[in-house]
Amino acid sequence: MKDFNLAIIGLGGMGNWHRELITSGTWFAGTTTGNGGIDHLSVCGSYDILEERQQFARDKGLRVYASLEELLADPKVDIVLVAVPNDMHKSLVIKALEAGKNVVCEKPVALNSGEFQEMIDASKKAGKVFAVHQNRRWDEDFLTAKKIYDEKLLGEVFRIESRVHGSRGIPGDWRGMPEHGGGMLLDWGVHLLDQALLMIPGKVKKIYAGFTNITNELVEDGFTVELTFDNGLVFIVEVGTNNFINLPRWYILGRDGTAQIDNFAVEGTMVRITDWSKNDAVPIRTAAGLTKTMAPRTKDTIKQEPLPEVKSDIRDFYRNIIATILGREELKVSLDSVMRNMKLMEAIFKAAKEGKPVAFE
């Protein structure tokens, strides 16, 4: 089987994450998981506009290209990874495609669907593979939530809440600058919305959206989006950067139970009904009176169970890239699915700006 060489444009945090993943299999908590790196794929070099990152590359034994043009002219480079601020993606992706390279681009792939379409058109013209690194399709918390939904473990699901919360505001870099495509919708929404569209079949009928500007006035530092799908399911997507007590990563409500996934580590629980016939309750006392409606269920009518945790391997992303280049597979992160997500984010920006719900599909 052919061996492939990948060169990185932008050896910052995510660029180096890719380097570690490909070379050693390290992708979280500094731990090497599985059997090391990715077979038949090597990182051969990098280019960065910052000299300190160029020196970092030298220290790691990479070839350091003196310019973008030198990198793109190297016949040894089969795949180019673009891992730079969002506003630079389009021009670099198109240049790499025109140079005859296969391209992987970090998310969000572009600032809008029009830019993305230009990139798709360039890939078709070049006859090269163009892929978007929607890596959180491999998150185990998401795959566990999807399993709960797909297998109807809670009966008919009518509401899903997906959240990520932090308390440090937007990082003090380009993510806080609108001219670079900053803001939490493009930074984290691009992941959570992608997961929602993958998880729920059918169309999105209606969108509500609200942004917050608690720590940053230039771009949204948080948002809440409500998607109503054509099957009636309501999907809440929320990102916050000024939350000092986090809500669960996932909260899933079905007719026959509830699941809570607390965090990325897939800690949490699932409670399912075992006997609907015992629906009456003894009232409980509150400070201002009695309530029968909110009395907890007795243990003989419900069962608490562990989450059906799903394991994954993010290295499969690059394995799929290689197989696609060889003509053996289709892209798992299809460009059509990325375009749908991009257009959904555009509709969310519109809903937030207008302060009223908008139709989508």
Protein backbone atom coordinates (compact mmCIF):
# COMPACT_ATOMS: atom_id res chain seq x y z
CA MET A 1 0.00 0.00 0.00
CA LYS A 2 1.21 3.51 -0.82
CA ASP A 3 2.63 5.64 1.98
CA PHE A 4 1.32 9.20 2.19
CA ASN A 5 3.08 12.36 3.37
CA LEU A 6 1.15 15.19 4.99
CA ALA A 7 2.39 18.77 5.39
CA ILE A 8 0.84 21.20 7.85
CA ILE A 9 0.06 24.86 7.16
CA GLY A 10 -0.24 26.44 10.60
CA LEU A 11 1.48 24.48 13.36
CA GLY A 12 -0.49 26.01 16.23
CA GLY A 13 -2.59 24.17 18.78
CA MET A 14 -4.74 22.16 16.37
CA GLY A 15 -1.99 21.78 13.78
CA ASN A 16 0.22 20.20 16.41
CA TRP A 17 -2.71 18.06 17.61
CA HIS A 18 -2.85 16.56 14.13
CA ARG A 19 0.92 16.00 14.16
CA GLU A 20 0.72 14.14 17.48
CA LEU A 21 -2.28 12.09 16.32
CA ILE A 22 -0.60 11.01 13.09
CA THR A 23 2.84 10.32 14.53
CA SER A 24 2.06 8.76 17.91
CA GLY A 25 -1.68 8.23 18.24
CA THR A 26 -1.89 10.81 21.03
CA TRP A 27 -5.14 12.75 20.93
CA PHE A 28 -6.22 13.47 24.50
CA ALA A 29 -4.73 14.08 27.94
CA GLY A 30 -1.20 13.46 26.67
CA THR A 31 -1.92 9.75 26.50
CA THR A 32 -1.03 7.46 23.62
CA THR A 33 -4.06 5.30 22.97
CA GLY A 34 -4.38 2.22 20.81
CA ASN A 35 -1.47 1.08 18.68
CA GLY A 36 0.28 4.39 18.09
CA GLY A 37 0.06 6.51 14.96
CA ILE A 38 -1.66 5.98 11.63
CA ASP A 39 -0.32 3.36 9.23
CA HIS A 40 0.89 4.61 5.84
CA LEU A 41 0.65 8.28 6.88
CA SER A 42 3.51 10.52 8.01
CA VAL A 43 3.92 14.22 8.75
CA CYS A 44 6.77 15.34 6.52
CA GLY A 45 6.91 19.05 7.24
CA SER A 46 5.17 22.31 8.07
CA TYR A 47 5.00 26.01 7.39
CA ASP A 48 3.96 28.74 9.83
CA ILE A 49 4.25 32.52 9.66
CA LEU A 50 5.55 32.58 13.25
CA GLU A 51 9.24 31.84 13.69
CA GLU A 52 8.64 30.30 17.11
CA ARG A 53 6.40 27.66 15.49
CA GLN A 54 8.97 27.12 12.75
CA GLN A 55 11.55 26.45 15.44
CA PHE A 56 9.11 24.13 17.23
CA ALA A 57 8.82 22.16 13.98
CA ARG A 58 12.61 21.91 13.68
CA ASP A 59 12.79 20.65 17.25
CA LYS A 60 10.27 17.95 16.34
CA GLY A 61 12.35 16.83 13.37
CA LEU A 62 10.04 18.15 10.66
CA ARG A 63 11.13 19.72 7.43
CA VAL A 64 10.49 23.43 7.81
CA TYR A 65 9.38 25.12 4.62
CA ALA A 66 10.53 28.70 4.15
CA SER A 67 7.33 29.67 2.37
CA LEU A 68 3.89 28.46 1.40
CA GLU A 69 5.06 28.20 -2.18
CA GLU A 70 7.93 25.89 -1.21
CA LEU A 71 5.56 23.58 0.63
CA LEU A 72 3.09 23.41 -2.25
CA ALA A 73 5.88 22.79 -4.76
CA ASP A 74 7.28 19.78 -2.87
CA PRO A 75 6.36 16.66 -4.88
CA LYS A 76 6.68 14.52 -1.75
CA VAL A 77 3.62 16.19 -0.18
CA ASP A 78 0.45 14.19 -0.89
CA ILE A 79 -1.90 15.84 1.62
CA VAL A 80 -1.97 19.39 2.95
CA LEU A 81 -3.59 20.17 6.30
CA VAL A 82 -4.86 23.75 6.63
CA ALA A 83 -4.99 24.68 10.33
CA VAL A 84 -5.03 28.49 10.43
CA PRO A 85 -7.59 31.14 11.51
CA ASN A 86 -10.97 30.73 9.84
CA ASP A 87 -10.77 33.68 7.44
CA MET A 88 -7.66 32.22 5.76
CA HIS A 89 -9.10 28.80 4.96
CA LYS A 90 -10.56 29.51 1.53
CA SER A 91 -7.48 30.99 -0.13
CA LEU A 92 -5.08 28.38 1.25
CA VAL A 93 -7.34 25.43 0.44
CA ILE A 94 -7.80 26.60 -3.14
CA LYS A 95 -4.06 27.23 -3.60
CA ALA A 96 -3.26 23.74 -2.30
CA LEU A 97 -5.85 22.12 -4.56
CA GLU A 98 -4.57 24.03 -7.58
CA ALA A 99 -1.07 22.79 -6.71
CA GLY A 100 -2.35 19.22 -7.09
CA LYS A 101 -2.56 18.36 -3.38
CA ASN A 102 -5.29 16.55 -1.49
CA VAL A 103 -6.50 18.84 1.30
CA VAL A 104 -7.82 18.50 4.84
CA CYS A 105 -9.19 21.74 6.30
CA GLU A 106 -9.93 22.52 9.91
CA LYS A 107 -13.42 23.59 10.89
CA PRO A 108 -15.29 25.78 10.31
CA VAL A 109 -14.31 25.16 6.72
CA ALA A 110 -15.30 28.69 5.62
CA LEU A 111 -16.98 31.86 6.80
CA ASN A 112 -20.08 31.20 4.70
CA SER A 113 -21.60 28.73 2.26
CA GLY A 114 -20.54 30.79 -0.76
CA GLU A 115 -16.86 30.50 0.18
CA PHE A 116 -17.31 26.79 0.81
CA GLN A 117 -18.86 26.27 -2.61
CA GLU A 118 -15.80 27.92 -4.21
CA MET A 119 -13.61 25.43 -2.38
CA ILE A 120 -15.75 22.50 -3.50
CA ASP A 121 -15.63 23.72 -7.09
CA ALA A 122 -11.82 23.99 -6.90
CA SER A 123 -11.55 20.41 -5.61
CA LYS A 124 -13.71 19.09 -8.46
CA LYS A 125 -11.66 20.99 -11.01
CA ALA A 126 -8.41 19.68 -9.53
CA GLY A 127 -9.73 16.14 -9.16
CA LYS A 128 -8.38 15.96 -5.61
CA VAL A 129 -9.86 14.89 -2.30
CA PHE A 130 -11.02 17.79 -0.15
CA ALA A 131 -12.11 16.95 3.40
CA VAL A 132 -13.24 18.90 6.45
CA HIS A 133 -12.04 17.93 9.92
CA GLN A 134 -15.37 17.62 11.74
CA ASN A 135 -13.58 15.61 14.39
CA ARG A 136 -16.31 15.66 17.03
CA ARG A 137 -18.32 13.15 15.06
CA TRP A 138 -16.01 10.70 16.86
CA ASP A 139 -16.70 12.06 20.37
CA GLU A 140 -17.80 9.17 22.57
CA ASP A 141 -20.36 11.26 24.46
CA PHE A 142 -22.05 12.09 21.12
CA LEU A 143 -21.93 8.48 19.90
CA THR A 144 -23.44 7.31 23.18
CA ALA A 145 -26.26 9.87 22.91
CA LYS A 146 -26.84 8.82 19.31
CA LYS A 147 -27.05 5.15 20.33
CA ILE A 148 -29.67 6.01 22.95
CA TYR A 149 -31.71 7.81 20.28
CA ASP A 150 -31.19 5.33 17.44
CA GLU A 151 -32.09 2.29 19.52
CA LYS A 152 -35.07 3.99 21.22
CA LEU A 153 -33.71 3.05 24.65
CA LEU A 154 -35.92 5.75 26.17
CA GLY A 155 -38.89 5.10 23.91
CA GLU A 156 -39.88 7.95 21.61
CA VAL A 157 -37.48 10.83 22.28
CA PHE A 158 -39.13 14.25 22.22
CA ARG A 159 -36.36 16.56 23.49
CA ILE A 160 -32.57 16.57 23.42
CA GLU A 161 -30.34 19.17 25.05
CA SER A 162 -26.67 19.40 24.01
CA ARG A 163 -24.42 21.83 25.86
CA VAL A 164 -20.83 22.82 26.43
CA HIS A 165 -20.07 25.30 29.19
CA GLY A 166 -16.89 27.07 30.25
CA SER A 167 -16.03 29.97 32.52
CA ARG A 168 -13.01 31.66 30.90
CA GLY A 169 -14.71 33.68 28.18
CA ILE A 170 -13.44 33.54 24.61
CA PRO A 171 -9.71 32.79 24.35
CA GLY A 172 -7.64 35.94 23.88
CA ASP A 173 -6.74 35.24 20.27
CA TRP A 174 -8.38 35.50 16.85
CA ARG A 175 -11.48 33.69 18.14
CA GLY A 176 -12.66 36.98 19.62
CA MET A 177 -12.28 38.94 16.38
CA PRO A 178 -15.09 39.07 13.79
CA GLU A 179 -12.71 39.71 10.91
CA HIS A 180 -11.09 36.32 11.56
CA GLY A 181 -14.38 34.43 11.85
CA GLY A 182 -14.48 34.47 15.63
CA GLY A 183 -17.40 33.77 17.92
CA MET A 184 -18.81 30.68 19.55
CA LEU A 185 -21.21 29.70 16.78
CA LEU A 186 -18.36 29.09 14.33
CA ASP A 187 -16.04 27.79 17.04
CA TRP A 188 -18.24 25.31 18.93
CA GLY A 189 -21.62 25.56 17.28
CA VAL A 190 -20.13 24.08 14.12
CA HIS A 191 -19.53 20.87 16.11
CA LEU A 192 -22.73 20.62 18.14
CA LEU A 193 -25.00 21.50 15.21
CA ASP A 194 -23.19 18.98 13.02
CA GLN A 195 -23.89 16.35 15.67
CA ALA A 196 -27.57 17.34 15.82
CA LEU A 197 -27.99 17.03 12.05
CA LEU A 198 -26.25 13.64 12.05
CA MET A 199 -28.29 12.37 14.97
CA ILE A 200 -31.81 13.31 13.89
CA PRO A 201 -33.11 12.25 10.46
CA GLY A 202 -35.46 14.55 8.61
CA LYS A 203 -35.63 18.28 8.10
CA VAL A 204 -35.33 21.22 10.46
CA LYS A 205 -38.63 23.12 10.30
CA LYS A 206 -37.96 26.06 12.61
CA ILE A 207 -35.07 27.79 14.36
CA TYR A 208 -35.00 30.04 17.43
CA ALA A 209 -31.66 31.61 18.37
CA GLY A 210 -30.24 34.00 20.93
CA PHE A 211 -26.65 35.22 21.39
CA THR A 212 -24.87 36.55 24.48
CA ASN A 213 -22.11 39.14 24.72
CA ILE A 214 -21.08 38.93 28.37
CA THR A 215 -17.31 39.08 28.00
CA ASN A 216 -16.97 40.11 24.35
CA GLU A 217 -18.92 42.81 22.52
CA LEU A 218 -17.48 42.08 19.07
CA VAL A 219 -18.63 38.48 18.65
CA GLU A 220 -21.05 36.23 20.49
CA ASP A 221 -19.45 34.56 23.51
CA GLY A 222 -22.38 32.20 23.90
CA PHE A 223 -25.66 31.18 22.29
CA THR A 224 -28.79 29.10 22.69
CA VAL A 225 -30.43 27.57 19.63
CA GLU A 226 -33.70 25.64 19.49
CA LEU A 227 -34.19 23.42 16.46
CA THR A 228 -37.59 21.88 15.76
CA PHE A 229 -37.37 18.87 13.45
CA ASP A 230 -40.20 17.73 11.20
CA ASN A 231 -40.87 14.74 13.48
CA GLY A 232 -41.68 17.19 16.31
CA LEU A 233 -38.46 16.62 18.26
CA VAL A 234 -36.99 19.75 19.86
CA PHE A 235 -33.19 19.89 19.95
CA ILE A 236 -31.51 22.52 22.15
CA VAL A 237 -27.90 23.45 21.37
CA GLU A 238 -26.17 25.75 23.84
CA VAL A 239 -22.65 27.10 24.26
CA GLY A 240 -21.63 29.28 27.19
CA THR A 241 -18.28 30.75 28.19
CA ASN A 242 -19.35 32.45 31.43
CA ASN A 243 -20.83 29.44 33.24
CA PHE A 244 -19.29 28.71 36.63
CA ILE A 245 -21.58 25.72 37.23
CA ASN A 246 -21.94 23.53 34.16
CA LEU A 247 -25.15 21.88 33.08
CA PRO A 248 -24.89 18.31 31.73
CA ARG A 249 -23.26 17.74 28.36
CA TRP A 250 -26.41 15.86 27.23
CA TYR A 251 -29.95 15.63 28.62
CA ILE A 252 -32.26 13.33 26.66
CA LEU A 253 -35.99 13.01 27.35
CA GLY A 254 -38.05 10.11 26.04
CA ARG A 255 -41.54 8.85 26.74
CA ASP A 256 -40.14 5.96 28.78
CA GLY A 257 -37.09 7.46 30.44
CA THR A 258 -34.37 10.06 30.73
CA ALA A 259 -30.63 9.95 30.10
CA GLN A 260 -28.03 12.35 31.39
CA ILE A 261 -24.46 12.44 30.10
CA ASP A 262 -22.48 14.72 32.35
CA ASN A 263 -19.31 15.33 30.36
CA PHE A 264 -16.98 14.27 27.53
CA ALA A 265 -15.86 11.34 29.69
CA VAL A 266 -19.39 9.87 29.36
CA GLU A 267 -20.16 9.93 33.06
CA GLY A 268 -23.86 9.92 33.87
CA THR A 269 -26.86 7.66 34.11
CA MET A 270 -30.07 6.51 32.46
CA VAL A 271 -33.41 5.97 34.21
CA ARG A 272 -36.20 4.02 32.51
CA ILE A 273 -39.79 3.29 33.46
CA THR A 274 -40.64 -0.31 34.36
CA ASP A 275 -44.33 0.02 35.31
CA TRP A 276 -46.59 2.73 33.90
CA SER A 277 -49.61 1.28 35.72
CA LYS A 278 -48.33 2.59 39.06
CA ASN A 279 -48.72 6.23 38.16
CA ASP A 280 -50.24 7.55 41.37
CA ALA A 281 -48.17 9.07 44.16
CA VAL A 282 -48.28 10.12 47.78
CA PRO A 283 -48.08 13.94 47.96
CA ILE A 284 -44.86 15.48 49.23
CA ARG A 285 -44.65 18.58 51.39
CA THR A 286 -42.91 21.74 50.25
CA ALA A 287 -42.44 24.99 52.14
CA ALA A 288 -45.63 26.39 50.65
CA GLY A 289 -47.83 23.33 50.44
CA LEU A 290 -48.34 19.86 48.97
CA THR A 291 -47.56 18.56 45.49
CA LYS A 292 -48.57 15.24 44.06
CA THR A 293 -47.50 16.00 40.49
CA MET A 294 -43.83 16.47 41.41
CA ALA A 295 -43.61 13.61 43.90
CA PRO A 296 -40.72 11.29 42.95
CA ARG A 297 -41.43 7.86 41.55
CA THR A 298 -41.02 4.87 43.80
CA LYS A 299 -38.10 2.57 43.05
CA ASP A 300 -40.36 -0.32 42.06
CA THR A 301 -41.54 1.61 38.97
CA ILE A 302 -38.19 2.71 37.54
CA LYS A 303 -34.77 1.26 36.86
CA GLN A 304 -31.48 3.14 36.94
CA GLU A 305 -28.94 1.84 34.43
CA PRO A 306 -25.44 2.68 33.23
CA LEU A 307 -25.08 4.56 29.98
CA PRO A 308 -24.52 2.36 26.88
CA GLU A 309 -21.09 3.87 26.28
CA VAL A 310 -19.79 3.74 22.70
CA LYS A 311 -16.04 3.68 22.03
CA SER A 312 -14.43 5.26 19.00
CA ASP A 313 -11.07 5.95 17.36
CA ILE A 314 -10.49 9.41 15.88
CA ARG A 315 -7.68 7.95 13.77
CA ASP A 316 -10.45 6.55 11.59
CA PHE A 317 -10.82 10.07 10.15
CA TYR A 318 -7.42 9.88 8.46
CA ARG A 319 -7.81 6.22 7.60
CA ASN A 320 -10.92 7.23 5.68
CA ILE A 321 -9.02 10.06 3.94
CA ILE A 322 -6.40 7.60 2.72
CA ALA A 323 -9.03 5.10 1.58
CA THR A 324 -10.89 7.88 -0.26
CA ILE A 325 -7.72 8.99 -2.07
CA LEU A 326 -7.18 5.37 -3.11
CA GLY A 327 -10.76 5.17 -4.39
CA ARG A 328 -11.80 2.53 -1.87
CA GLU A 329 -14.27 4.57 0.22
CA GLU A 330 -16.38 7.71 0.19
CA LEU A 331 -15.67 10.54 2.63
CA LYS A 332 -17.28 9.87 6.00
CA VAL A 333 -17.53 13.62 6.50
CA SER A 334 -19.32 14.27 3.24
CA LEU A 335 -19.12 17.74 1.74
CA ASP A 336 -22.91 17.77 1.39
CA SER A 337 -23.31 17.31 5.14
CA VAL A 338 -20.81 20.08 5.83
CA MET A 339 -22.68 22.41 3.45
CA ARG A 340 -25.98 21.69 5.21
CA ASN A 341 -24.38 22.56 8.53
CA MET A 342 -22.89 25.76 7.09
CA LYS A 343 -26.30 26.86 5.80
CA LEU A 344 -27.88 26.03 9.16
CA MET A 345 -25.39 28.33 10.90
CA GLU A 346 -26.23 31.09 8.43
CA ALA A 347 -29.92 30.66 9.32
CA ILE A 348 -29.04 30.85 13.02
CA PHE A 349 -27.15 34.10 12.53
CA LYS A 350 -30.28 35.43 10.78
CA ALA A 351 -32.61 34.27 13.55
CA ALA A 352 -30.44 35.85 16.25
CA LYS A 353 -30.16 39.12 14.34
CA GLU A 354 -33.89 39.38 13.62
CA GLY A 355 -34.92 38.21 17.08
CA LYS A 356 -37.59 35.89 15.73
CA PRO A 357 -37.85 32.29 14.56
CA VAL A 358 -36.88 31.48 10.97
CA ALA A 359 -37.69 28.59 8.67
CA PHE A 360 -34.80 26.49 7.41
CA GLU A 361 -35.69 23.48 5.22
